[in-house]
Amino acid sequence: MNPLAGWANFYVIVGSSAGALIGLQFVVMTLIANTLRSEEEAEAGNAFATPTIVYFAAVLLLAGLVSAPWNAIGPAAALWGGLGFGGVVYSVLVTRRLRRQAVYKLQLEDWVFYILLPITAYAMLAVSACLTWWYVSEALFVVAAAALLLLFIGIHNAWDNITYHVFVRRRVQRGDGGRS
């Protein structure tokens, strides 16, 4: 029996959630696009919003890869390992973008949710691909944990972006200076 067969429901749920959240992000970004007043604000918006879409897209892609009717786990593991490696590289690029934007000063929470946790999730994917040679069942749980971690990182960051635009930027635009 294919070891991926038992994971079908999990990846249907996780992949559907990621797809729906991508759609919601597009709607929200469309609604707040008119509030960005300068090139610097647009650059900061891209630095924070784009990784969130990528996290959701990575979960959606992973769900599709693992749900495909593979005859063996090796090809699927190679693909999710590549996704993990690519995600680590992407996280380095995100770090550079976040440090380059000048509109918002990164807080500890930003470093954790935009850099540390995504690198961890992507590294889990890369390492789990290697683990499938010896520990198939355990590796599949690591892949599932990485998928959930990326999904929850995306949810956190989407909420963080929205609350920033609604509660901080609106006050600044109204002239309250961002104070309560």
N, C-alpha and C. Protein backbone atom coordinates (compact mmCIF):
# COMPACT_ATOMS: atom_id res chain seq x y z
N MET A 1 0.83 -1.18 0.00
CA MET A 1 0.00 0.00 0.00
C MET A 1 0.88 1.25 0.00
N ASN A 2 0.46 2.25 -0.72
CA ASN A 2 1.17 3.51 -0.79
C ASN A 2 1.05 4.24 0.55
N PRO A 3 2.17 4.64 1.17
CA PRO A 3 2.09 5.29 2.49
C PRO A 3 1.39 6.66 2.45
N LEU A 4 1.26 7.24 1.27
CA LEU A 4 0.60 8.54 1.16
C LEU A 4 -0.93 8.42 1.18
N ALA A 5 -1.46 7.21 0.93
CA ALA A 5 -2.90 7.02 0.80
C ALA A 5 -3.66 7.45 2.06
N GLY A 6 -3.12 7.21 3.22
CA GLY A 6 -3.79 7.55 4.47
C GLY A 6 -3.84 9.04 4.76
N TRP A 7 -3.15 9.82 3.97
CA TRP A 7 -3.07 11.26 4.21
C TRP A 7 -4.01 12.06 3.31
N ALA A 8 -4.80 11.42 2.50
CA ALA A 8 -5.62 12.12 1.51
C ALA A 8 -6.54 13.16 2.14
N ASN A 9 -7.29 12.78 3.17
CA ASN A 9 -8.22 13.73 3.79
C ASN A 9 -7.50 14.92 4.40
N PHE A 10 -6.38 14.65 5.04
CA PHE A 10 -5.59 15.73 5.65
C PHE A 10 -5.22 16.77 4.59
N TYR A 11 -4.70 16.31 3.46
CA TYR A 11 -4.24 17.24 2.43
C TYR A 11 -5.38 17.89 1.65
N VAL A 12 -6.52 17.24 1.59
CA VAL A 12 -7.70 17.90 1.00
C VAL A 12 -8.10 19.09 1.88
N ILE A 13 -8.13 18.88 3.18
CA ILE A 13 -8.50 19.95 4.11
C ILE A 13 -7.46 21.07 4.09
N VAL A 14 -6.20 20.71 4.23
CA VAL A 14 -5.13 21.71 4.29
C VAL A 14 -5.01 22.46 2.96
N GLY A 15 -5.05 21.73 1.85
CA GLY A 15 -4.94 22.37 0.54
C GLY A 15 -6.12 23.27 0.23
N SER A 16 -7.32 22.83 0.58
CA SER A 16 -8.51 23.67 0.37
C SER A 16 -8.44 24.93 1.20
N SER A 17 -7.99 24.80 2.42
CA SER A 17 -7.84 25.97 3.29
C SER A 17 -6.85 26.95 2.70
N ALA A 18 -5.72 26.46 2.25
CA ALA A 18 -4.71 27.33 1.65
C ALA A 18 -5.25 28.04 0.42
N GLY A 19 -5.96 27.32 -0.43
CA GLY A 19 -6.53 27.92 -1.63
C GLY A 19 -7.54 29.00 -1.30
N ALA A 20 -8.40 28.74 -0.33
CA ALA A 20 -9.39 29.73 0.07
C ALA A 20 -8.73 30.97 0.66
N LEU A 21 -7.68 30.76 1.45
CA LEU A 21 -6.99 31.89 2.06
C LEU A 21 -6.23 32.73 1.03
N ILE A 22 -5.75 32.10 -0.03
CA ILE A 22 -5.13 32.86 -1.12
C ILE A 22 -6.17 33.79 -1.73
N GLY A 23 -7.35 33.27 -2.00
CA GLY A 23 -8.41 34.09 -2.56
C GLY A 23 -8.78 35.25 -1.65
N LEU A 24 -8.89 35.00 -0.36
CA LEU A 24 -9.21 36.07 0.58
C LEU A 24 -8.11 37.13 0.62
N GLN A 25 -6.86 36.68 0.54
CA GLN A 25 -5.75 37.64 0.52
C GLN A 25 -5.84 38.56 -0.70
N PHE A 26 -6.20 38.00 -1.85
CA PHE A 26 -6.34 38.82 -3.06
C PHE A 26 -7.42 39.87 -2.87
N VAL A 27 -8.52 39.47 -2.26
CA VAL A 27 -9.61 40.42 -2.02
C VAL A 27 -9.14 41.54 -1.09
N VAL A 28 -8.51 41.17 0.01
CA VAL A 28 -8.05 42.17 0.98
C VAL A 28 -7.02 43.10 0.35
N MET A 29 -6.07 42.54 -0.39
CA MET A 29 -5.04 43.38 -1.01
C MET A 29 -5.66 44.35 -2.01
N THR A 30 -6.67 43.92 -2.72
CA THR A 30 -7.36 44.81 -3.65
C THR A 30 -8.03 45.95 -2.89
N LEU A 31 -8.63 45.64 -1.76
CA LEU A 31 -9.32 46.67 -0.98
C LEU A 31 -8.37 47.69 -0.36
N ILE A 32 -7.18 47.26 0.03
CA ILE A 32 -6.26 48.21 0.67
C ILE A 32 -5.24 48.81 -0.29
N ALA A 33 -5.25 48.38 -1.54
CA ALA A 33 -4.27 48.88 -2.51
C ALA A 33 -4.33 50.39 -2.66
N ASN A 34 -5.49 50.97 -2.59
CA ASN A 34 -5.63 52.42 -2.77
C ASN A 34 -5.12 53.22 -1.57
N THR A 35 -4.83 52.56 -0.46
CA THR A 35 -4.37 53.28 0.71
C THR A 35 -2.86 53.50 0.69
N LEU A 36 -2.14 52.81 -0.19
CA LEU A 36 -0.68 52.97 -0.26
C LEU A 36 -0.38 54.25 -1.00
N ARG A 37 0.27 55.19 -0.33
CA ARG A 37 0.46 56.51 -0.90
C ARG A 37 1.82 56.74 -1.55
N SER A 38 2.82 55.94 -1.24
CA SER A 38 4.15 56.20 -1.78
C SER A 38 4.77 54.90 -2.28
N GLU A 39 5.84 55.05 -3.02
CA GLU A 39 6.60 53.88 -3.52
C GLU A 39 7.17 53.08 -2.35
N GLU A 40 7.59 53.77 -1.30
CA GLU A 40 8.14 53.08 -0.12
C GLU A 40 7.08 52.24 0.57
N GLU A 41 5.86 52.78 0.66
CA GLU A 41 4.77 52.02 1.28
C GLU A 41 4.42 50.80 0.43
N ALA A 42 4.45 50.95 -0.88
CA ALA A 42 4.17 49.82 -1.77
C ALA A 42 5.26 48.76 -1.63
N GLU A 43 6.51 49.19 -1.52
CA GLU A 43 7.62 48.24 -1.33
C GLU A 43 7.48 47.48 -0.02
N ALA A 44 7.11 48.19 1.04
CA ALA A 44 6.90 47.53 2.33
C ALA A 44 5.71 46.58 2.25
N GLY A 45 4.65 47.02 1.56
CA GLY A 45 3.49 46.14 1.39
C GLY A 45 3.85 44.86 0.69
N ASN A 46 4.67 44.95 -0.36
CA ASN A 46 5.12 43.75 -1.06
C ASN A 46 6.01 42.88 -0.17
N ALA A 47 6.85 43.52 0.61
CA ALA A 47 7.77 42.77 1.48
C ALA A 47 7.01 41.94 2.50
N PHE A 48 5.86 42.43 2.94
CA PHE A 48 5.09 41.71 3.95
C PHE A 48 3.97 40.85 3.37
N ALA A 49 3.32 41.29 2.31
CA ALA A 49 2.17 40.56 1.78
C ALA A 49 2.56 39.40 0.88
N THR A 50 3.57 39.58 0.06
CA THR A 50 3.94 38.53 -0.89
C THR A 50 4.36 37.23 -0.20
N PRO A 51 5.18 37.27 0.85
CA PRO A 51 5.52 36.00 1.51
C PRO A 51 4.30 35.25 2.03
N THR A 52 3.30 35.97 2.48
CA THR A 52 2.09 35.32 2.99
C THR A 52 1.41 34.51 1.89
N ILE A 53 1.30 35.09 0.70
CA ILE A 53 0.73 34.37 -0.43
C ILE A 53 1.61 33.16 -0.77
N VAL A 54 2.91 33.35 -0.71
CA VAL A 54 3.83 32.23 -1.03
C VAL A 54 3.67 31.10 -0.02
N TYR A 55 3.47 31.42 1.27
CA TYR A 55 3.27 30.36 2.27
C TYR A 55 2.01 29.57 1.95
N PHE A 56 0.93 30.28 1.64
CA PHE A 56 -0.32 29.59 1.29
C PHE A 56 -0.15 28.78 0.01
N ALA A 57 0.54 29.35 -0.98
CA ALA A 57 0.75 28.64 -2.25
C ALA A 57 1.63 27.41 -2.04
N ALA A 58 2.60 27.49 -1.16
CA ALA A 58 3.46 26.33 -0.87
C ALA A 58 2.64 25.20 -0.26
N VAL A 59 1.72 25.54 0.63
CA VAL A 59 0.84 24.53 1.24
C VAL A 59 -0.07 23.92 0.17
N LEU A 60 -0.61 24.75 -0.69
CA LEU A 60 -1.48 24.26 -1.76
C LEU A 60 -0.70 23.34 -2.70
N LEU A 61 0.50 23.75 -3.09
CA LEU A 61 1.35 22.91 -3.94
C LEU A 61 1.71 21.60 -3.25
N LEU A 62 2.08 21.69 -2.00
CA LEU A 62 2.42 20.49 -1.24
C LEU A 62 1.24 19.53 -1.16
N ALA A 63 0.05 20.07 -0.93
CA ALA A 63 -1.16 19.23 -0.87
C ALA A 63 -1.39 18.54 -2.21
N GLY A 64 -1.18 19.26 -3.29
CA GLY A 64 -1.32 18.66 -4.62
C GLY A 64 -0.29 17.58 -4.88
N LEU A 65 0.95 17.85 -4.49
CA LEU A 65 2.03 16.86 -4.70
C LEU A 65 1.75 15.57 -3.93
N VAL A 66 1.39 15.72 -2.68
CA VAL A 66 1.21 14.54 -1.83
C VAL A 66 -0.08 13.80 -2.17
N SER A 67 -1.04 14.49 -2.75
CA SER A 67 -2.31 13.85 -3.11
C SER A 67 -2.28 13.18 -4.47
N ALA A 68 -1.25 13.42 -5.25
CA ALA A 68 -1.15 12.80 -6.57
C ALA A 68 -1.02 11.28 -6.42
N PRO A 69 -1.48 10.53 -7.40
CA PRO A 69 -1.45 9.06 -7.29
C PRO A 69 -0.07 8.46 -7.61
N TRP A 70 0.87 8.66 -6.72
CA TRP A 70 2.23 8.15 -6.91
C TRP A 70 2.26 6.64 -6.72
N ASN A 71 3.12 5.98 -7.49
CA ASN A 71 3.35 4.54 -7.29
C ASN A 71 4.33 4.27 -6.17
N ALA A 72 5.18 5.25 -5.91
CA ALA A 72 6.17 5.15 -4.84
C ALA A 72 6.32 6.52 -4.21
N ILE A 73 6.88 6.55 -3.02
CA ILE A 73 7.00 7.81 -2.29
C ILE A 73 8.20 8.63 -2.75
N GLY A 74 9.18 8.01 -3.38
CA GLY A 74 10.41 8.69 -3.77
C GLY A 74 10.23 9.95 -4.60
N PRO A 75 9.47 9.89 -5.69
CA PRO A 75 9.28 11.11 -6.50
C PRO A 75 8.58 12.23 -5.73
N ALA A 76 7.59 11.88 -4.94
CA ALA A 76 6.90 12.90 -4.15
C ALA A 76 7.86 13.52 -3.14
N ALA A 77 8.67 12.68 -2.49
CA ALA A 77 9.64 13.18 -1.51
C ALA A 77 10.66 14.10 -2.17
N ALA A 78 11.10 13.73 -3.37
CA ALA A 78 12.06 14.59 -4.08
C ALA A 78 11.44 15.96 -4.38
N LEU A 79 10.18 15.98 -4.76
CA LEU A 79 9.51 17.24 -5.07
C LEU A 79 9.28 18.08 -3.82
N TRP A 80 8.81 17.46 -2.72
CA TRP A 80 8.60 18.27 -1.52
C TRP A 80 9.94 18.68 -0.92
N GLY A 81 10.98 17.88 -1.12
CA GLY A 81 12.32 18.30 -0.69
C GLY A 81 12.80 19.51 -1.48
N GLY A 82 12.52 19.51 -2.79
CA GLY A 82 12.86 20.67 -3.62
C GLY A 82 12.08 21.90 -3.20
N LEU A 83 10.81 21.71 -2.87
CA LEU A 83 9.99 22.81 -2.38
C LEU A 83 10.59 23.36 -1.09
N GLY A 84 11.02 22.47 -0.21
CA GLY A 84 11.65 22.90 1.04
C GLY A 84 12.93 23.68 0.81
N PHE A 85 13.78 23.17 -0.06
CA PHE A 85 15.04 23.86 -0.36
C PHE A 85 14.75 25.22 -1.00
N GLY A 86 13.84 25.24 -1.96
CA GLY A 86 13.46 26.51 -2.59
C GLY A 86 12.88 27.49 -1.59
N GLY A 87 12.12 26.98 -0.63
CA GLY A 87 11.55 27.83 0.40
C GLY A 87 12.59 28.45 1.31
N VAL A 88 13.63 27.69 1.62
CA VAL A 88 14.73 28.24 2.42
C VAL A 88 15.40 29.39 1.66
N VAL A 89 15.68 29.17 0.37
CA VAL A 89 16.27 30.22 -0.45
C VAL A 89 15.34 31.43 -0.52
N TYR A 90 14.06 31.20 -0.73
CA TYR A 90 13.09 32.29 -0.77
C TYR A 90 13.07 33.05 0.54
N SER A 91 13.18 32.35 1.66
CA SER A 91 13.17 33.01 2.97
C SER A 91 14.36 33.95 3.14
N VAL A 92 15.48 33.58 2.56
CA VAL A 92 16.64 34.47 2.58
C VAL A 92 16.34 35.75 1.79
N LEU A 93 15.69 35.59 0.64
CA LEU A 93 15.30 36.76 -0.16
C LEU A 93 14.28 37.63 0.58
N VAL A 94 13.35 37.00 1.28
CA VAL A 94 12.37 37.74 2.08
C VAL A 94 13.08 38.54 3.16
N THR A 95 14.06 37.94 3.79
CA THR A 95 14.84 38.63 4.82
C THR A 95 15.47 39.89 4.26
N ARG A 96 16.06 39.78 3.07
CA ARG A 96 16.66 40.96 2.44
C ARG A 96 15.62 42.03 2.14
N ARG A 97 14.47 41.63 1.63
CA ARG A 97 13.40 42.59 1.35
C ARG A 97 12.91 43.29 2.60
N LEU A 98 12.71 42.52 3.65
CA LEU A 98 12.21 43.09 4.90
C LEU A 98 13.21 44.08 5.49
N ARG A 99 14.48 43.76 5.39
CA ARG A 99 15.50 44.66 5.93
C ARG A 99 15.67 45.91 5.08
N ARG A 100 15.38 45.79 3.78
CA ARG A 100 15.56 46.91 2.85
C ARG A 100 14.43 47.94 2.96
N GLN A 101 13.21 47.51 3.22
CA GLN A 101 12.09 48.45 3.30
C GLN A 101 12.30 49.35 4.51
N ALA A 102 11.88 50.61 4.37
CA ALA A 102 12.16 51.60 5.42
C ALA A 102 10.90 52.15 6.08
N VAL A 103 9.73 51.67 5.70
CA VAL A 103 8.48 52.23 6.23
C VAL A 103 8.18 51.70 7.64
N TYR A 104 8.55 50.47 7.90
CA TYR A 104 8.17 49.81 9.15
C TYR A 104 9.40 49.19 9.78
N LYS A 105 9.60 49.43 11.07
CA LYS A 105 10.72 48.84 11.80
C LYS A 105 10.30 47.45 12.31
N LEU A 106 11.05 46.44 11.91
CA LEU A 106 10.71 45.06 12.29
C LEU A 106 10.79 44.87 13.80
N GLN A 107 9.78 44.18 14.32
CA GLN A 107 9.72 43.81 15.72
C GLN A 107 10.13 42.33 15.84
N LEU A 108 10.33 41.87 17.06
CA LEU A 108 10.71 40.47 17.29
C LEU A 108 9.69 39.52 16.65
N GLU A 109 8.42 39.83 16.81
CA GLU A 109 7.36 38.98 16.24
C GLU A 109 7.50 38.86 14.71
N ASP A 110 7.89 39.95 14.06
CA ASP A 110 8.09 39.92 12.61
C ASP A 110 9.25 39.00 12.23
N TRP A 111 10.34 39.08 12.97
CA TRP A 111 11.49 38.21 12.71
C TRP A 111 11.10 36.74 12.88
N VAL A 112 10.27 36.47 13.89
CA VAL A 112 9.86 35.09 14.14
C VAL A 112 8.93 34.58 13.03
N PHE A 113 7.90 35.37 12.68
CA PHE A 113 6.87 34.88 11.76
C PHE A 113 7.19 35.07 10.28
N TYR A 114 8.12 35.95 9.95
CA TYR A 114 8.47 36.13 8.54
C TYR A 114 9.79 35.47 8.17
N ILE A 115 10.61 35.13 9.18
CA ILE A 115 11.93 34.59 8.86
C ILE A 115 12.18 33.25 9.56
N LEU A 116 12.19 33.26 10.88
CA LEU A 116 12.56 32.06 11.64
C LEU A 116 11.62 30.87 11.41
N LEU A 117 10.32 31.07 11.61
CA LEU A 117 9.37 29.96 11.45
C LEU A 117 9.27 29.47 10.00
N PRO A 118 9.22 30.36 8.99
CA PRO A 118 9.20 29.85 7.61
C PRO A 118 10.44 29.05 7.25
N ILE A 119 11.62 29.54 7.65
CA ILE A 119 12.84 28.78 7.37
C ILE A 119 12.76 27.41 8.04
N THR A 120 12.24 27.39 9.26
CA THR A 120 12.09 26.11 9.97
C THR A 120 11.16 25.17 9.22
N ALA A 121 10.01 25.69 8.78
CA ALA A 121 9.04 24.84 8.06
C ALA A 121 9.63 24.32 6.75
N TYR A 122 10.28 25.20 6.00
CA TYR A 122 10.87 24.77 4.73
C TYR A 122 12.02 23.78 4.96
N ALA A 123 12.81 24.00 6.00
CA ALA A 123 13.89 23.06 6.33
C ALA A 123 13.32 21.70 6.73
N MET A 124 12.18 21.72 7.44
CA MET A 124 11.52 20.45 7.79
C MET A 124 11.15 19.67 6.54
N LEU A 125 10.66 20.38 5.52
CA LEU A 125 10.32 19.70 4.26
C LEU A 125 11.56 19.10 3.61
N ALA A 126 12.63 19.87 3.56
CA ALA A 126 13.85 19.39 2.92
C ALA A 126 14.42 18.18 3.67
N VAL A 127 14.46 18.26 4.97
CA VAL A 127 15.02 17.16 5.77
C VAL A 127 14.11 15.93 5.70
N SER A 128 12.80 16.14 5.75
CA SER A 128 11.88 14.99 5.72
C SER A 128 11.99 14.22 4.41
N ALA A 129 12.34 14.90 3.32
CA ALA A 129 12.52 14.21 2.04
C ALA A 129 13.65 13.19 2.16
N CYS A 130 14.70 13.56 2.87
CA CYS A 130 15.81 12.62 3.08
C CYS A 130 15.42 11.50 4.04
N LEU A 131 14.60 11.82 5.02
CA LEU A 131 14.20 10.82 6.02
C LEU A 131 13.33 9.71 5.45
N THR A 132 12.70 9.95 4.29
CA THR A 132 11.80 8.93 3.75
C THR A 132 12.54 7.64 3.41
N TRP A 133 13.83 7.70 3.23
CA TRP A 133 14.60 6.47 2.94
C TRP A 133 14.59 5.51 4.11
N TRP A 134 14.51 6.03 5.33
CA TRP A 134 14.62 5.19 6.52
C TRP A 134 13.37 5.22 7.39
N TYR A 135 12.69 6.35 7.43
CA TYR A 135 11.57 6.53 8.36
C TYR A 135 10.38 7.15 7.62
N VAL A 136 9.72 6.36 6.80
CA VAL A 136 8.64 6.89 5.96
C VAL A 136 7.52 7.50 6.79
N SER A 137 7.01 6.77 7.74
CA SER A 137 5.87 7.25 8.54
C SER A 137 6.21 8.54 9.27
N GLU A 138 7.38 8.57 9.91
CA GLU A 138 7.79 9.75 10.65
C GLU A 138 7.99 10.94 9.71
N ALA A 139 8.57 10.68 8.55
CA ALA A 139 8.80 11.75 7.57
C ALA A 139 7.47 12.36 7.12
N LEU A 140 6.46 11.53 6.94
CA LEU A 140 5.15 12.05 6.52
C LEU A 140 4.52 12.93 7.60
N PHE A 141 4.76 12.62 8.86
CA PHE A 141 4.28 13.47 9.93
C PHE A 141 5.04 14.80 9.96
N VAL A 142 6.32 14.77 9.62
CA VAL A 142 7.10 16.01 9.55
C VAL A 142 6.58 16.88 8.41
N VAL A 143 6.27 16.26 7.27
CA VAL A 143 5.70 17.02 6.14
C VAL A 143 4.38 17.65 6.55
N ALA A 144 3.54 16.90 7.22
CA ALA A 144 2.24 17.43 7.67
C ALA A 144 2.44 18.58 8.65
N ALA A 145 3.40 18.42 9.56
CA ALA A 145 3.67 19.50 10.52
C ALA A 145 4.18 20.75 9.80
N ALA A 146 5.02 20.57 8.80
CA ALA A 146 5.52 21.72 8.03
C ALA A 146 4.38 22.41 7.29
N ALA A 147 3.47 21.62 6.72
CA ALA A 147 2.33 22.19 6.01
C ALA A 147 1.45 23.01 6.96
N LEU A 148 1.17 22.45 8.12
CA LEU A 148 0.36 23.18 9.09
C LEU A 148 1.08 24.43 9.60
N LEU A 149 2.38 24.31 9.82
CA LEU A 149 3.15 25.46 10.27
C LEU A 149 3.09 26.59 9.24
N LEU A 150 3.30 26.26 7.97
CA LEU A 150 3.21 27.28 6.92
C LEU A 150 1.81 27.88 6.84
N LEU A 151 0.79 27.05 6.99
CA LEU A 151 -0.58 27.54 6.95
C LEU A 151 -0.85 28.51 8.10
N PHE A 152 -0.43 28.16 9.31
CA PHE A 152 -0.66 29.03 10.45
C PHE A 152 0.22 30.28 10.43
N ILE A 153 1.42 30.18 9.88
CA ILE A 153 2.25 31.37 9.69
C ILE A 153 1.53 32.33 8.75
N GLY A 154 1.01 31.79 7.66
CA GLY A 154 0.27 32.63 6.71
C GLY A 154 -0.94 33.27 7.33
N ILE A 155 -1.68 32.52 8.13
CA ILE A 155 -2.85 33.09 8.81
C ILE A 155 -2.43 34.21 9.75
N HIS A 156 -1.41 33.96 10.54
CA HIS A 156 -0.91 34.99 11.46
C HIS A 156 -0.50 36.24 10.70
N ASN A 157 0.29 36.06 9.65
CA ASN A 157 0.81 37.21 8.92
C ASN A 157 -0.29 37.96 8.17
N ALA A 158 -1.26 37.24 7.64
CA ALA A 158 -2.38 37.90 6.97
C ALA A 158 -3.15 38.75 7.98
N TRP A 159 -3.42 38.20 9.14
CA TRP A 159 -4.11 38.95 10.18
C TRP A 159 -3.28 40.16 10.62
N ASP A 160 -1.99 39.96 10.78
CA ASP A 160 -1.09 41.03 11.18
C ASP A 160 -1.10 42.16 10.15
N ASN A 161 -1.05 41.81 8.87
CA ASN A 161 -1.08 42.82 7.80
C ASN A 161 -2.40 43.60 7.83
N ILE A 162 -3.49 42.87 7.96
CA ILE A 162 -4.80 43.52 7.94
C ILE A 162 -4.97 44.44 9.13
N THR A 163 -4.63 43.97 10.31
CA THR A 163 -4.78 44.81 11.50
C THR A 163 -3.88 46.02 11.43
N TYR A 164 -2.71 45.89 10.86
CA TYR A 164 -1.82 47.05 10.70
C TYR A 164 -2.49 48.10 9.82
N HIS A 165 -3.04 47.67 8.70
CA HIS A 165 -3.67 48.62 7.78
C HIS A 165 -4.94 49.22 8.37
N VAL A 166 -5.70 48.44 9.09
CA VAL A 166 -6.97 48.92 9.63
C VAL A 166 -6.75 49.81 10.85
N PHE A 167 -5.92 49.38 11.79
CA PHE A 167 -5.82 50.09 13.05
C PHE A 167 -4.69 51.12 13.11
N VAL A 168 -3.59 50.87 12.44
CA VAL A 168 -2.46 51.80 12.52
C VAL A 168 -2.49 52.81 11.38
N ARG A 169 -2.53 52.33 10.16
CA ARG A 169 -2.46 53.24 9.01
C ARG A 169 -3.69 54.14 8.92
N ARG A 170 -4.86 53.65 9.25
CA ARG A 170 -6.06 54.49 9.19
C ARG A 170 -5.98 55.65 10.17
N ARG A 171 -5.47 55.38 11.38
CA ARG A 171 -5.33 56.45 12.35
C ARG A 171 -4.34 57.50 11.86
N VAL A 172 -3.25 57.05 11.27
CA VAL A 172 -2.25 57.96 10.74
C VAL A 172 -2.87 58.80 9.63
N GLN A 173 -3.65 58.17 8.76
CA GLN A 173 -4.29 58.89 7.67
C GLN A 173 -5.32 59.91 8.18
N ARG A 174 -5.98 59.58 9.27
CA ARG A 174 -6.97 60.50 9.84
C ARG A 174 -6.32 61.63 10.62
N GLY A 175 -5.02 61.47 10.91
CA GLY A 175 -4.31 62.52 11.63
C GLY A 175 -4.20 62.26 13.11
N ASP A 176 -4.54 61.03 13.55
CA ASP A 176 -4.42 60.70 14.96
C ASP A 176 -3.00 60.34 15.34
N GLY A 177 -2.12 60.24 14.35
CA GLY A 177 -0.73 59.91 14.62
C GLY A 177 -0.50 58.49 15.03
N GLY A 178 -1.50 57.63 14.85
CA GLY A 178 -1.35 56.23 15.20
C GLY A 178 -1.55 55.96 16.68
N ARG A 179 -1.98 56.96 17.45
CA ARG A 179 -2.19 56.77 18.88
C ARG A 179 -3.65 56.46 19.15
N SER A 180 -3.90 55.78 20.25
CA SER A 180 -5.28 55.44 20.64
C SER A 180 -6.06 56.63 21.10
